[in-house]
Protein backbone atom coordinates (compact mmCIF):
# COMPACT_ATOMS: atom_id res chain seq x y z
CA MET A 1 -6.75 -10.43 8.64
CA LYS A 2 -4.02 -11.00 11.21
CA MET A 3 -1.32 -10.14 8.67
CA LEU A 4 -2.53 -6.57 8.02
CA LEU A 5 -0.51 -3.62 9.26
CA ASN A 6 -2.00 -0.91 11.45
CA ASP A 7 -2.31 2.58 10.01
CA SER A 8 -1.69 5.80 11.96
CA THR A 9 -5.12 5.58 13.62
CA GLY A 10 -4.41 2.07 14.90
CA ASN A 11 -6.89 0.31 12.61
CA LYS A 12 -6.00 -2.64 10.38
CA SER A 13 -5.54 -1.34 6.84
CA LEU A 14 -5.27 -3.29 3.60
CA THR A 15 -4.19 -0.25 1.59
CA HIS A 16 -1.44 0.56 4.09
CA THR A 17 -0.22 -3.04 3.96
CA LEU A 18 -0.25 -3.08 0.14
CA SER A 19 1.60 0.25 0.02
CA VAL A 20 4.35 -0.98 2.33
CA VAL A 21 4.72 -4.30 0.48
CA ALA A 22 4.81 -2.60 -2.95
CA PHE A 23 7.41 -0.11 -1.72
CA ILE A 24 9.60 -2.89 -0.30
CA VAL A 25 9.34 -4.91 -3.52
CA VAL A 26 10.36 -1.91 -5.63
CA MET A 27 13.24 -1.01 -3.30
CA VAL A 28 14.59 -4.58 -3.30
CA LYS A 29 14.38 -4.64 -7.10
CA VAL A 30 16.22 -1.30 -7.32
CA ILE A 31 18.93 -2.41 -4.88
CA VAL A 32 19.62 -5.82 -6.44
CA GLY A 33 18.98 -4.68 -10.02
CA GLY A 34 21.77 -5.78 -12.32
CA ALA A 35 23.29 -8.18 -9.78
CA SER A 36 23.72 -11.85 -10.48
CA ILE A 37 24.15 -14.96 -8.37
CA VAL A 38 26.35 -17.83 -9.52
CA ILE A 39 26.42 -21.07 -7.53
CA GLY A 40 28.28 -23.81 -9.38
CA SER A 41 26.55 -24.25 -12.72
CA PHE A 42 23.43 -22.33 -11.57
CA SER A 43 23.30 -18.68 -12.54
CA TYR A 44 20.51 -16.17 -11.88
CA SER A 45 20.60 -12.56 -12.95
CA PHE A 46 18.30 -9.95 -11.44
CA GLY A 47 17.03 -7.62 -14.12
CA THR A 48 16.84 -3.88 -13.68
CA ILE A 49 13.59 -2.04 -13.11
CA ASP A 50 12.67 1.00 -15.19
CA SER A 51 10.71 4.06 -14.16
CA LEU A 52 7.57 2.96 -16.03
CA SER A 53 7.46 -0.26 -14.03
CA ILE A 54 7.95 1.63 -10.77
CA ALA A 55 5.13 4.01 -11.69
CA ALA A 56 2.89 1.08 -12.69
CA ILE A 57 3.48 -0.62 -9.34
CA LEU A 58 3.52 2.31 -6.92
CA GLY A 59 1.09 4.68 -8.65
CA PRO A 60 -2.19 2.82 -8.17
CA VAL A 61 -1.28 1.43 -4.75
CA LEU A 62 -0.15 4.72 -3.25
CA GLY A 63 -3.01 6.52 -5.01
CA ALA A 64 -5.51 4.20 -3.34
CA TYR A 65 -3.87 4.76 0.04
CA VAL A 66 -3.91 8.56 -0.33
CA ALA A 67 -7.51 8.52 -1.56
CA ARG A 68 -8.60 6.40 1.42
CA ARG A 69 -6.81 8.67 3.88
CA TYR A 70 -8.33 11.76 2.24
CA THR A 71 -11.80 10.22 2.38
CA GLU A 72 -11.41 9.25 6.03
CA THR A 73 -10.32 12.72 7.10
CA ASN A 74 -12.93 14.63 5.07
CA ALA A 75 -15.95 12.36 5.49
CA PRO A 76 -18.55 13.56 7.99
CA GLN A 77 -18.38 11.60 11.21
CA GLU A 78 -21.61 9.99 12.34
CA ASP A 79 -22.52 9.94 16.00
CA SER A 80 -23.24 6.30 16.75
CA GLY A 81 -25.34 7.11 19.82
CA SER A 82 -27.86 9.41 18.16
CA LYS A 83 -31.06 8.43 16.39
CA PRO A 84 -31.67 9.52 12.80
CA ASN A 85 -33.83 12.62 12.55
CA ASP A 86 -36.83 11.78 10.40
CA GLY A 87 -38.63 15.08 11.05
CA LYS A 88 -40.94 13.63 13.71
CA GLU A 89 -40.27 14.92 17.18
């Protein structure tokens, strides 16, 4: 849990961490797409990434992050100091 990034509220967030990592992976793949490395007899070619792959990677991850943020902002906040009202006073 030490490796998780903090979200805008200062809490550790798995969805925020996954969103940032997925975005960085896609951006690196876009930047180095089509490049190749040749060292002596060793050759490695980075393939390109298409829009369907980008949507398959970023869509669910960013969707989960947005859904979590929406749920956090619209969920009723419970007062931790109050007792539940069971109708008996």
